[in-house]
Amino acid sequence: SSYDALADLDLVVEAVFESPSLKAEVFGKLDATCRPGAILATNTSYQDVDRIAAATGRPRDVVGMHYFSPANVMKLLEVVRGAKTAPD
């Protein structure tokens, strides 16, 4: 329930309701909390990753991660780069 628990993680995957304003709010908090270089991922299947990344000061660290359903059967993960996502 506290964003502080995420401060030292290497990867955080957001999975909130598909609301652009809610995602922007969450990514703003993640940006303020997570360590520099941590990958901030959204699991959205249709929101614009660039728009979500714009809610942060580190769009180079933002990606989309779309899990195919059901995840226990369809062991596929699509990684979506934004326009400013860093190559690493």
Protein backbone atom coordinates (compact mmCIF):
# COMPACT_ATOMS: atom_id res chain seq x y z
CA SER A 1 0.00 0.00 0.00
CA SER A 2 3.05 2.27 0.24
CA TYR A 3 5.09 3.33 -2.76
CA ASP A 4 8.14 3.49 -0.47
CA ALA A 5 8.35 -0.32 -0.58
CA LEU A 6 9.18 -0.02 -4.31
CA ALA A 7 12.15 2.32 -3.89
CA ASP A 8 14.94 -0.23 -4.46
CA LEU A 9 13.35 -2.48 -7.09
CA ASP A 10 14.84 -2.95 -10.55
CA LEU A 11 11.45 -3.41 -12.26
CA VAL A 12 7.96 -2.25 -11.31
CA VAL A 13 4.94 -3.38 -13.35
CA GLU A 14 1.84 -1.19 -13.01
CA ALA A 15 -1.54 -2.91 -13.33
CA VAL A 16 -4.20 -0.34 -12.49
CA PHE A 17 -7.52 0.30 -14.25
CA GLU A 18 -7.20 1.46 -17.89
CA SER A 19 -7.64 5.15 -17.09
CA PRO A 20 -5.08 7.56 -18.60
CA SER A 21 -5.34 9.96 -15.65
CA LEU A 22 -4.94 7.16 -13.10
CA LYS A 23 -1.94 5.73 -14.95
CA ALA A 24 -0.36 9.22 -15.11
CA GLU A 25 -0.89 9.61 -11.36
CA VAL A 26 0.68 6.21 -10.62
CA PHE A 27 3.66 6.82 -12.90
CA GLY A 28 4.23 10.23 -11.35
CA LYS A 29 4.43 8.55 -7.94
CA LEU A 30 6.67 5.78 -9.26
CA ASP A 31 8.96 8.37 -10.81
CA ALA A 32 9.29 10.14 -7.46
CA THR A 33 9.85 6.92 -5.51
CA CYS A 34 11.79 4.40 -7.59
CA ARG A 35 15.56 4.45 -7.85
CA PRO A 36 17.20 5.94 -10.94
CA GLY A 37 17.45 3.35 -13.71
CA ALA A 38 14.57 1.23 -12.45
CA ILE A 39 12.34 0.05 -15.29
CA LEU A 40 8.78 1.31 -14.97
CA ALA A 41 6.42 -0.90 -16.96
CA THR A 42 2.74 -0.61 -17.72
CA ASN A 43 0.70 -3.69 -18.50
CA THR A 44 -1.76 -1.79 -20.66
CA SER A 45 -2.83 -3.44 -23.89
CA TYR A 46 -4.04 -0.26 -25.58
CA GLN A 47 -2.88 2.91 -23.79
CA ASP A 48 -0.11 4.96 -25.43
CA VAL A 49 3.21 4.11 -23.73
CA ASP A 50 4.63 7.52 -24.73
CA ARG A 51 1.77 9.32 -23.03
CA ILE A 52 2.29 7.28 -19.87
CA ALA A 53 6.06 7.91 -20.00
CA ALA A 54 5.40 11.65 -20.27
CA ALA A 55 4.06 11.58 -16.70
CA THR A 56 7.63 10.85 -15.57
CA GLY A 57 10.95 12.63 -15.79
CA ARG A 58 12.49 9.42 -17.13
CA PRO A 59 10.71 8.28 -20.28
CA ARG A 60 13.88 6.32 -21.19
CA ASP A 61 12.97 3.86 -18.38
CA VAL A 62 9.31 3.31 -19.33
CA VAL A 63 8.05 0.31 -21.33
CA GLY A 64 4.83 -1.53 -21.93
CA MET A 65 4.56 -5.17 -20.90
CA HIS A 66 1.52 -6.98 -22.19
CA TYR A 67 0.93 -10.46 -20.82
CA PHE A 68 -1.10 -12.77 -23.04
CA SER A 69 -4.07 -14.43 -21.39
CA PRO A 70 -4.28 -16.79 -19.69
CA ALA A 71 -0.67 -16.26 -18.58
CA ASN A 72 -0.25 -19.79 -17.24
CA VAL A 73 -1.06 -21.21 -20.70
CA MET A 74 0.08 -18.48 -23.10
CA LYS A 75 3.64 -17.97 -21.87
CA LEU A 76 4.15 -14.90 -24.01
CA LEU A 77 5.14 -11.40 -23.01
CA GLU A 78 5.11 -8.51 -25.45
CA VAL A 79 7.53 -5.71 -24.56
CA VAL A 80 6.56 -2.37 -26.09
CA ARG A 81 9.18 0.33 -26.41
CA GLY A 82 8.20 3.95 -26.30
CA ALA A 83 9.70 6.57 -28.62
CA LYS A 84 12.14 7.56 -25.85
CA THR A 85 12.74 4.15 -24.27
CA ALA A 86 16.47 3.54 -23.88
CA PRO A 87 17.94 0.61 -25.84
CA ASP A 88 19.10 -1.10 -22.64
